[in-house]
Amino acid sequence: MSICLREICDNAFQELSDIYFFTAIVISDILIYRTCVNTLNYPKSECELLLASGPKSNETRRIENEVQQYASYVTMVQSVILALFPAFLSFFLGVWSDMYGRKPLIVWPLFGGCVSAFLMVIYSTMNNLGPWWILLTAVPYSLSGGDVALITGVYCYITDISTEADRSLRISLLDTSVFTASVVGTLSSPYVLKLIGKVNLLMVTAAVYVLAYVYANIWIVESITVSVRGTFRTMLDCSLVRSMVETCLKRRPNRTRSIIFLLIICSAISILVINGLSNLEYLYTRQKLQWSLESYSIYGAVNTLVQVVGLLVGVTFMQKVLKISDIHLVLLSYLSIIGEYLIRAFAVKSWHMYLGTSVSLFKGLASPLIRSIISKIIPGDDMAKIFSLLGVMTGFLPVVAPLIFNSLYAVTIDVFPGGIYLFCASINTVALGMLW
């Protein structure tokens, strides 16, 4: 038990090193400023007003709308770069890890993250570089497998070291650790930013990435027996794809195959929304509510903390004590998500956003419990192949998501910027209907 918990904590520590949690808002500010000054050629004095807290003049708001429209296209391309190669690798990863181990899928993305983090430091110091240069910082993490490799490796690893009885709890503990990392990073970043500045903050993030990589490389113990060390060449084997497809499509009793595909589609919808909104929520609150960096950081931390509480209550009290089934908790989660997005779409006051957060208490239950349900209804030998299919779908969705969401936001920003949240509520309603 102690070994299993240690490995879960190891994986959670790796997620804590994710650059998104500590620097995402800072990078957004850098991108907004570079777009304003270097691309749209506004005076520096005008562009600095975009990042200032407090009410903005009509002229400043006009400039910000123009800047955000342009910046949203940059982040869209960046998201596609981050997702494109990992989406291709997702066809091979799960089956490959059955033969060559889970650890490479965890360690490789961390190394790529180290390189990307240092490139971001370099980019932040070169003030004459325009916004499009930020795309280069995404390449190493993408080539190393990105989030797809890391998520596939982590969930397969936890499946290897856990029993069916405690799998839901352990997957939820992992997600709780990730949420906690998000709270710490989001809440502390604006204050650390004021204390040490943007460049030093990015250097701290790069250092934490290095620490996580070294820690994982030394202390993570492989969960399966591996006789031959895998290489990149062994990964690009078409027989791995054939094996995955055959396993996923084979007939199973009690309509299990249909259930698996429905669960995977619902999980994919959640991934689509998460990736679609990740680069837009800060821009939305700036445009709609004139929030500062500090205001959004506090909100982000509170939002994540509420999810942590809901996740722990769901898997410890509602599941273990009240004996509510996994599927009913997933339905409750989707109801929470839909309510949250409807409130956000029509928010005109800051407290409306916090009201949406309170409604979304059980939002975080869907993802871990869907994975847990899948792991319970299929044989252990098929686990990595099914998770690989999930990786394929969720690997390609980050490519599609920014194309949909950024384009929708760009065309509705002057009319109804909350349209992105209505879209999110709509597709989550579809997921709810599929599971009902």
Protein backbone atom coordinates (compact mmCIF):
# COMPACT_ATOMS: atom_id res chain seq x y z
CA MET A 1 0.00 0.00 0.00
CA SER A 2 2.78 2.44 0.90
CA ILE A 3 4.59 1.74 -2.36
CA CYS A 4 1.42 2.38 -4.35
CA LEU A 5 0.73 5.63 -2.56
CA ARG A 6 4.31 6.72 -3.06
CA GLU A 7 4.04 6.16 -6.80
CA ILE A 8 0.80 8.10 -6.96
CA CYS A 9 2.48 10.95 -5.10
CA ASP A 10 5.40 10.72 -7.55
CA ASN A 11 3.06 11.20 -10.49
CA ALA A 12 1.24 14.00 -8.73
CA PHE A 13 4.57 15.72 -8.11
CA GLN A 14 5.27 15.55 -11.84
CA GLU A 15 1.97 17.22 -12.59
CA LEU A 16 2.80 19.88 -10.01
CA SER A 17 5.75 20.80 -12.22
CA ASP A 18 3.46 21.54 -15.16
CA ILE A 19 4.27 25.01 -16.48
CA TYR A 20 0.60 25.76 -17.01
CA PHE A 21 -0.23 25.95 -13.31
CA PHE A 22 2.50 28.40 -12.38
CA THR A 23 2.97 30.55 -15.46
CA ALA A 24 -0.08 30.31 -17.74
CA ILE A 25 -1.46 33.73 -16.79
CA VAL A 26 1.99 35.31 -16.93
CA ILE A 27 2.53 33.92 -20.43
CA SER A 28 -0.88 35.27 -21.47
CA ASP A 29 0.15 38.73 -20.30
CA ILE A 30 3.44 38.49 -22.21
CA LEU A 31 1.57 37.42 -25.33
CA ILE A 32 -0.95 40.27 -25.02
CA TYR A 33 1.81 42.85 -24.58
CA ARG A 34 3.96 41.50 -27.45
CA THR A 35 0.93 41.45 -29.76
CA CYS A 36 0.05 45.02 -28.84
CA VAL A 37 3.57 46.45 -29.22
CA ASN A 38 5.36 44.29 -31.80
CA THR A 39 2.53 43.27 -34.12
CA LEU A 40 -0.20 45.91 -33.90
CA ASN A 41 2.37 48.68 -33.27
CA TYR A 42 0.56 50.54 -30.51
CA PRO A 43 2.64 52.77 -28.22
CA LYS A 44 4.11 51.05 -25.18
CA SER A 45 2.23 53.41 -22.89
CA GLU A 46 -1.10 52.27 -24.37
CA CYS A 47 -0.14 48.59 -24.19
CA GLU A 48 0.91 48.84 -20.56
CA LEU A 49 -2.60 50.04 -19.72
CA LEU A 50 -3.94 46.68 -20.93
CA LEU A 51 -2.12 44.93 -18.09
CA ALA A 52 -2.98 47.48 -15.43
CA SER A 53 -5.66 46.70 -12.87
CA GLY A 54 -8.78 48.81 -12.40
CA PRO A 55 -11.39 50.25 -14.81
CA LYS A 56 -10.36 50.82 -18.43
CA SER A 57 -11.30 53.61 -20.80
CA ASN A 58 -13.30 52.94 -23.94
CA GLU A 59 -10.16 53.34 -26.05
CA THR A 60 -8.25 50.84 -23.94
CA ARG A 61 -11.11 48.38 -24.22
CA ARG A 62 -11.17 48.81 -27.99
CA ILE A 63 -7.44 48.12 -28.19
CA GLU A 64 -7.79 45.09 -25.91
CA ASN A 65 -10.52 43.58 -28.10
CA GLU A 66 -8.27 43.94 -31.14
CA VAL A 67 -5.29 42.51 -29.28
CA GLN A 68 -7.28 39.59 -27.90
CA GLN A 69 -8.63 38.69 -31.33
CA TYR A 70 -5.10 38.50 -32.72
CA ALA A 71 -3.63 36.78 -29.64
CA SER A 72 -6.37 34.13 -29.72
CA TYR A 73 -5.15 33.03 -33.16
CA VAL A 74 -1.58 32.75 -31.86
CA THR A 75 -2.70 30.59 -28.94
CA MET A 76 -4.80 28.53 -31.34
CA VAL A 77 -1.76 27.67 -33.46
CA GLN A 78 0.30 27.03 -30.32
CA SER A 79 -2.35 24.60 -29.05
CA VAL A 80 -2.34 22.78 -32.38
CA ILE A 81 1.45 22.40 -32.25
CA LEU A 82 1.26 21.08 -28.69
CA ALA A 83 -1.35 18.52 -29.70
CA LEU A 84 -0.54 17.44 -33.27
CA PHE A 85 2.44 15.10 -32.80
CA PRO A 86 1.16 13.65 -29.49
CA ALA A 87 -2.11 12.89 -31.29
CA PHE A 88 -0.16 10.88 -33.87
CA LEU A 89 1.80 9.05 -31.16
CA SER A 90 -1.40 8.20 -29.31
CA PHE A 91 -2.06 5.43 -31.85
CA PHE A 92 1.01 3.58 -30.59
CA LEU A 93 1.57 4.58 -26.95
CA GLY A 94 -0.72 2.25 -24.99
CA VAL A 95 0.20 -1.01 -26.72
CA TRP A 96 3.88 0.00 -26.82
CA SER A 97 3.89 0.53 -23.07
CA ASP A 98 2.55 -3.02 -22.55
CA MET A 99 5.85 -4.31 -23.93
CA TYR A 100 8.38 -1.63 -22.98
CA GLY A 101 7.00 -0.11 -19.80
CA ARG A 102 5.03 2.80 -18.42
CA LYS A 103 7.96 4.82 -17.08
CA PRO A 104 9.14 6.16 -20.48
CA LEU A 105 5.69 7.66 -21.09
CA ILE A 106 6.06 9.58 -17.83
CA VAL A 107 9.71 10.60 -18.09
CA TRP A 108 9.91 11.62 -21.76
CA PRO A 109 7.29 14.40 -21.57
CA LEU A 110 8.97 15.78 -18.47
CA PHE A 111 12.23 16.10 -20.35
CA GLY A 112 10.46 17.83 -23.23
CA GLY A 113 8.82 20.10 -20.68
CA CYS A 114 12.25 21.07 -19.33
CA VAL A 115 13.40 22.16 -22.78
CA SER A 116 10.16 24.04 -23.49
CA ALA A 117 10.37 25.82 -20.14
CA PHE A 118 13.93 27.05 -20.83
CA LEU A 119 12.91 28.21 -24.31
CA MET A 120 10.12 30.20 -22.68
CA VAL A 121 12.68 31.88 -20.43
CA ILE A 122 14.73 32.85 -23.48
CA TYR A 123 11.65 34.16 -25.28
CA SER A 124 10.63 36.30 -22.30
CA THR A 125 14.03 38.03 -22.24
CA MET A 126 14.01 39.00 -25.93
CA ASN A 127 11.56 41.87 -26.02
CA ASN A 128 11.91 42.47 -29.75
CA LEU A 129 10.39 39.08 -30.61
CA GLY A 130 6.76 39.17 -31.72
CA PRO A 131 4.01 36.85 -30.48
CA TRP A 132 4.50 34.20 -33.16
CA TRP A 133 7.95 33.30 -31.82
CA ILE A 134 6.27 31.76 -28.79
CA LEU A 135 5.31 28.82 -31.02
CA LEU A 136 8.90 27.54 -30.90
CA THR A 137 8.62 26.99 -27.16
CA ALA A 138 5.86 24.41 -27.71
CA VAL A 139 7.85 22.15 -30.06
CA PRO A 140 10.01 20.16 -27.55
CA TYR A 141 7.07 19.26 -25.32
CA SER A 142 5.04 18.23 -28.34
CA LEU A 143 7.82 16.04 -29.79
CA SER A 144 8.29 14.29 -26.43
CA GLY A 145 4.67 13.12 -26.38
CA GLY A 146 3.11 15.98 -24.43
CA ASP A 147 0.06 15.55 -22.26
CA VAL A 148 -1.13 12.50 -24.20
CA ALA A 149 1.96 10.43 -23.34
CA LEU A 150 2.00 11.63 -19.74
CA ILE A 151 -1.70 10.94 -19.12
CA THR A 152 -1.56 7.53 -20.82
CA GLY A 153 1.50 6.53 -18.81
CA VAL A 154 0.15 7.76 -15.49
CA TYR A 155 -3.26 6.12 -15.73
CA CYS A 156 -1.85 2.83 -17.00
CA TYR A 157 0.66 2.94 -14.16
CA ILE A 158 -2.03 3.45 -11.52
CA THR A 159 -4.09 0.64 -13.06
CA ASP A 160 -1.06 -1.68 -12.77
CA ILE A 161 -0.46 -0.99 -9.08
CA SER A 162 -4.04 -0.82 -7.78
CA THR A 163 -6.92 -3.22 -7.20
CA GLU A 164 -10.42 -2.82 -8.59
CA ALA A 165 -11.73 -1.93 -5.14
CA ASP A 166 -9.45 1.06 -4.59
CA ARG A 167 -8.87 2.20 -8.18
CA SER A 168 -11.49 4.96 -8.15
CA LEU A 169 -10.04 6.40 -4.96
CA ARG A 170 -6.47 6.35 -6.23
CA ILE A 171 -7.29 7.90 -9.58
CA SER A 172 -9.26 10.55 -7.71
CA LEU A 173 -6.27 11.12 -5.38
CA LEU A 174 -4.13 11.76 -8.43
CA ASP A 175 -6.61 14.29 -9.80
CA THR A 176 -6.84 15.87 -6.35
CA SER A 177 -3.06 16.27 -6.29
CA VAL A 178 -3.16 17.90 -9.72
CA PHE A 179 -5.93 20.27 -8.60
CA THR A 180 -3.96 21.13 -5.47
CA ALA A 181 -0.93 21.93 -7.62
CA SER A 182 -3.17 24.17 -9.70
CA VAL A 183 -4.35 26.04 -6.60
CA VAL A 184 -0.81 26.57 -5.33
CA GLY A 185 0.54 27.64 -8.71
CA THR A 186 -2.34 29.88 -9.72
CA LEU A 187 -2.70 31.59 -6.35
CA SER A 188 0.99 32.17 -5.76
CA SER A 189 2.07 33.21 -9.27
CA PRO A 190 0.91 36.89 -9.17
CA TYR A 191 2.63 37.48 -5.82
CA VAL A 192 5.80 35.68 -6.85
CA LEU A 193 5.63 37.70 -10.07
CA LYS A 194 5.63 40.98 -8.13
CA LEU A 195 8.47 39.75 -5.96
CA ILE A 196 10.89 38.41 -8.58
CA GLY A 197 9.55 39.50 -12.00
CA LYS A 198 8.39 37.59 -15.07
CA VAL A 199 11.75 36.25 -16.24
CA ASN A 200 12.75 34.95 -12.82
CA LEU A 201 9.31 33.39 -12.38
CA LEU A 202 9.75 31.48 -15.63
CA MET A 203 13.24 30.43 -14.49
CA VAL A 204 11.77 29.06 -11.26
CA THR A 205 9.26 27.08 -13.31
CA ALA A 206 12.04 25.66 -15.49
CA ALA A 207 13.98 24.68 -12.37
CA VAL A 208 10.95 22.88 -10.92
CA TYR A 209 10.52 21.05 -14.22
CA VAL A 210 14.13 19.86 -14.02
CA LEU A 211 13.62 18.75 -10.43
CA ALA A 212 10.51 16.79 -11.39
CA TYR A 213 12.31 15.11 -14.29
CA VAL A 214 15.27 14.07 -12.13
CA TYR A 215 12.97 12.90 -9.34
CA ALA A 216 10.84 10.79 -11.70
CA ASN A 217 13.85 9.35 -13.51
CA ILE A 218 15.47 8.17 -10.28
CA TRP A 219 12.60 7.17 -7.99
CA ILE A 220 9.77 5.98 -10.24
CA VAL A 221 9.90 2.17 -10.34
CA GLU A 222 8.65 0.43 -13.48
CA SER A 223 5.28 -1.27 -12.83
CA ILE A 224 5.61 -4.10 -15.38
CA THR A 225 8.38 -6.53 -16.25
CA VAL A 226 10.40 -5.27 -19.21
CA SER A 227 12.97 -7.52 -20.90
CA VAL A 228 14.02 -5.16 -23.72
CA ARG A 229 14.40 -1.41 -23.56
CA GLY A 230 12.08 0.37 -25.97
CA THR A 231 13.21 3.03 -28.43
CA PHE A 232 11.45 5.58 -30.59
CA ARG A 233 11.89 3.25 -33.59
CA THR A 234 10.09 0.40 -31.80
CA MET A 235 7.21 2.75 -31.07
CA LEU A 236 6.39 3.45 -34.72
CA ASP A 237 5.23 -0.09 -35.42
CA CYS A 238 1.98 -0.43 -37.36
CA SER A 239 1.25 -3.75 -35.67
CA LEU A 240 0.72 -1.81 -32.45
CA VAL A 241 -2.10 0.14 -34.07
CA ARG A 242 -3.65 -3.05 -35.46
CA SER A 243 -3.53 -4.68 -32.04
CA MET A 244 -5.21 -1.66 -30.44
CA VAL A 245 -7.98 -1.52 -33.06
CA GLU A 246 -8.68 -5.26 -32.84
CA THR A 247 -8.91 -5.12 -29.06
CA CYS A 248 -11.21 -2.10 -29.04
CA LEU A 249 -13.55 -3.43 -31.73
CA LYS A 250 -13.90 -7.03 -30.60
CA ARG A 251 -17.32 -8.12 -29.40
CA ARG A 252 -17.87 -8.24 -25.65
CA PRO A 253 -20.78 -9.58 -23.57
CA ASN A 254 -23.54 -7.41 -22.08
CA ARG A 255 -23.05 -4.59 -24.61
CA THR A 256 -19.71 -3.79 -22.97
CA ARG A 257 -18.20 -2.60 -26.24
CA SER A 258 -20.97 -0.01 -26.71
CA ILE A 259 -20.64 1.13 -23.11
CA ILE A 260 -16.90 1.59 -23.51
CA PHE A 261 -17.32 3.74 -26.62
CA LEU A 262 -20.02 5.87 -24.98
CA LEU A 263 -17.76 6.47 -21.96
CA ILE A 264 -14.81 7.33 -24.20
CA ILE A 265 -16.92 9.80 -26.22
CA CYS A 266 -18.13 11.50 -23.03
CA SER A 267 -14.58 11.70 -21.73
CA ALA A 268 -13.49 13.15 -25.08
CA ILE A 269 -16.17 15.85 -24.82
CA SER A 270 -14.76 16.86 -21.45
CA ILE A 271 -11.25 17.04 -22.92
CA LEU A 272 -12.54 19.13 -25.84
CA VAL A 273 -14.05 21.67 -23.45
CA ILE A 274 -11.01 21.82 -21.16
CA ASN A 275 -8.60 22.39 -24.05
CA GLY A 276 -10.94 24.82 -25.77
CA LEU A 277 -11.35 27.04 -22.72
CA SER A 278 -7.83 26.80 -21.29
CA ASN A 279 -6.45 29.77 -23.24
CA LEU A 280 -9.65 31.82 -23.29
CA GLU A 281 -11.01 32.06 -19.75
CA TYR A 282 -8.49 34.66 -18.64
CA LEU A 283 -9.17 36.68 -21.79
CA TYR A 284 -12.93 36.35 -21.20
CA THR A 285 -12.77 37.68 -17.64
CA ARG A 286 -10.53 40.55 -18.74
CA GLN A 287 -12.95 41.54 -21.50
CA LYS A 288 -16.26 40.93 -19.72
CA LEU A 289 -15.44 41.81 -16.10
CA GLN A 290 -12.20 43.82 -16.42
CA TRP A 291 -10.42 41.45 -14.06
CA SER A 292 -6.75 41.94 -13.26
CA LEU A 293 -4.14 39.19 -13.06
CA GLU A 294 -4.59 38.99 -9.29
CA SER A 295 -8.40 38.80 -9.53
CA TYR A 296 -8.27 35.93 -12.01
CA SER A 297 -5.61 34.10 -10.00
CA ILE A 298 -7.74 34.21 -6.86
CA TYR A 299 -10.78 33.04 -8.81
CA GLY A 300 -8.80 30.23 -10.45
CA ALA A 301 -7.54 29.04 -7.08
CA VAL A 302 -11.02 29.12 -5.52
CA ASN A 303 -12.49 27.33 -8.53
CA THR A 304 -9.92 24.56 -8.30
CA LEU A 305 -10.20 24.28 -4.52
CA VAL A 306 -13.96 23.76 -4.85
CA GLN A 307 -13.29 20.94 -7.33
CA VAL A 308 -10.85 19.34 -4.88
CA VAL A 309 -13.48 19.41 -2.13
CA GLY A 310 -16.15 18.01 -4.45
CA LEU A 311 -13.82 15.27 -5.65
CA LEU A 312 -12.91 14.19 -2.12
CA VAL A 313 -16.53 14.33 -0.92
CA GLY A 314 -17.66 12.37 -3.97
CA VAL A 315 -15.20 9.47 -3.71
CA THR A 316 -14.90 9.24 0.08
CA PHE A 317 -18.36 10.05 1.43
CA MET A 318 -20.87 9.71 -1.41
CA GLN A 319 -19.23 6.63 -2.93
CA LYS A 320 -17.79 4.84 0.10
CA VAL A 321 -20.37 5.77 2.76
CA LEU A 322 -23.59 6.40 0.84
CA LYS A 323 -22.71 3.69 -1.73
CA ILE A 324 -23.69 5.84 -4.71
CA SER A 325 -22.50 4.16 -7.90
CA ASP A 326 -19.80 5.56 -10.16
CA ILE A 327 -22.19 6.19 -13.03
CA HIS A 328 -24.65 8.19 -10.91
CA LEU A 329 -21.79 10.36 -9.62
CA VAL A 330 -20.71 10.95 -13.22
CA LEU A 331 -24.26 12.10 -14.09
CA LEU A 332 -24.18 14.46 -11.09
CA SER A 333 -20.85 15.78 -12.34
CA TYR A 334 -22.23 16.63 -15.78
CA LEU A 335 -25.23 18.39 -14.24
CA SER A 336 -22.79 20.53 -12.22
CA ILE A 337 -20.78 21.33 -15.33
CA ILE A 338 -23.81 22.40 -17.35
CA GLY A 339 -25.07 24.67 -14.55
CA GLU A 340 -21.66 26.29 -14.17
CA TYR A 341 -21.28 27.12 -17.87
CA LEU A 342 -24.79 28.56 -18.15
CA ILE A 343 -24.08 30.92 -15.25
CA ARG A 344 -20.69 31.95 -16.68
CA ALA A 345 -22.19 32.65 -20.09
CA PHE A 346 -24.45 35.38 -18.72
CA ALA A 347 -22.16 36.68 -15.97
CA VAL A 348 -22.11 40.48 -15.65
CA LYS A 349 -20.77 40.72 -12.10
CA SER A 350 -17.75 39.12 -10.49
CA TRP A 351 -19.89 37.24 -7.97
CA HIS A 352 -21.70 35.53 -10.84
CA MET A 353 -18.46 33.70 -11.68
CA TYR A 354 -18.15 32.55 -8.07
CA LEU A 355 -21.79 31.43 -8.14
CA GLY A 356 -20.92 29.26 -11.13
CA THR A 357 -18.02 27.84 -9.17
CA SER A 358 -20.27 26.89 -6.25
CA VAL A 359 -22.64 25.11 -8.62
CA SER A 360 -19.75 23.12 -10.11
CA LEU A 361 -18.81 21.43 -6.82
CA PHE A 362 -18.84 17.95 -8.37
CA LYS A 363 -17.36 18.98 -11.71
CA GLY A 364 -14.12 17.07 -11.14
CA LEU A 365 -15.76 13.67 -10.63
CA ALA A 366 -16.46 12.84 -14.27
CA SER A 367 -12.94 12.27 -15.61
CA PRO A 368 -11.49 9.94 -12.92
CA LEU A 369 -14.71 7.97 -12.48
CA ILE A 370 -15.16 7.38 -16.21
CA ARG A 371 -11.63 5.97 -16.36
CA SER A 372 -12.35 3.90 -13.27
CA ILE A 373 -15.57 2.49 -14.80
CA ILE A 374 -13.70 1.54 -17.98
CA SER A 375 -10.96 -0.19 -15.98
CA LYS A 376 -13.55 -2.24 -14.06
CA ILE A 377 -15.47 -3.62 -17.04
CA ILE A 378 -12.57 -4.79 -19.21
CA PRO A 379 -9.81 -7.40 -18.59
CA GLY A 380 -6.47 -6.16 -17.32
CA ASP A 381 -4.69 -7.31 -20.49
CA ASP A 382 -6.85 -4.95 -22.58
CA MET A 383 -6.46 -1.95 -20.27
CA ALA A 384 -3.58 -0.18 -22.00
CA LYS A 385 -5.13 -0.69 -25.44
CA ILE A 386 -8.44 0.85 -24.36
CA PHE A 387 -6.65 3.74 -22.67
CA SER A 388 -4.65 4.12 -25.86
CA LEU A 389 -7.90 4.57 -27.82
CA LEU A 390 -8.93 7.19 -25.27
CA GLY A 391 -5.54 8.77 -25.84
CA VAL A 392 -6.14 8.83 -29.60
CA MET A 393 -9.43 10.68 -29.21
CA THR A 394 -8.19 13.06 -26.54
CA GLY A 395 -4.95 13.50 -28.46
CA PHE A 396 -6.65 14.83 -31.57
CA LEU A 397 -9.18 16.94 -29.71
CA PRO A 398 -6.57 19.49 -28.53
CA VAL A 399 -5.88 20.04 -32.24
CA VAL A 400 -9.55 20.62 -32.99
CA ALA A 401 -10.53 22.45 -29.79
CA PRO A 402 -8.64 25.73 -30.35
CA LEU A 403 -9.84 25.88 -33.96
CA ILE A 404 -13.42 25.75 -32.72
CA PHE A 405 -13.24 27.76 -29.51
CA ASN A 406 -10.76 30.46 -30.54
CA SER A 407 -12.63 31.07 -33.78
CA LEU A 408 -15.96 31.24 -31.94
CA TYR A 409 -14.53 33.63 -29.36
CA ALA A 410 -12.96 35.85 -32.01
CA VAL A 411 -16.24 36.31 -33.92
CA THR A 412 -18.43 36.78 -30.80
CA ILE A 413 -16.17 38.93 -28.62
CA ASP A 414 -17.89 42.16 -29.67
CA VAL A 415 -21.41 40.71 -29.55
CA PHE A 416 -21.67 37.96 -26.92
CA PRO A 417 -18.33 36.62 -25.61
CA GLY A 418 -20.22 34.19 -23.38
CA GLY A 419 -21.10 32.19 -26.49
CA ILE A 420 -18.18 29.85 -25.78
CA TYR A 421 -19.81 28.85 -22.50
CA LEU A 422 -23.20 28.24 -24.13
CA PHE A 423 -21.42 25.95 -26.57
CA CYS A 424 -19.76 24.13 -23.66
CA ALA A 425 -23.10 23.70 -21.88
CA SER A 426 -24.66 22.33 -25.07
CA ILE A 427 -22.10 19.62 -25.78
CA ASN A 428 -22.00 18.58 -22.12
CA THR A 429 -25.78 18.21 -22.29
CA VAL A 430 -25.21 15.78 -25.17
CA ALA A 431 -22.78 13.81 -22.97
CA LEU A 432 -25.32 13.77 -20.14
CA GLY A 433 -27.98 12.42 -22.48
CA MET A 434 -25.66 9.65 -23.71
CA LEU A 435 -25.00 8.44 -20.16
CA TRP A 436 -28.55 8.81 -18.83
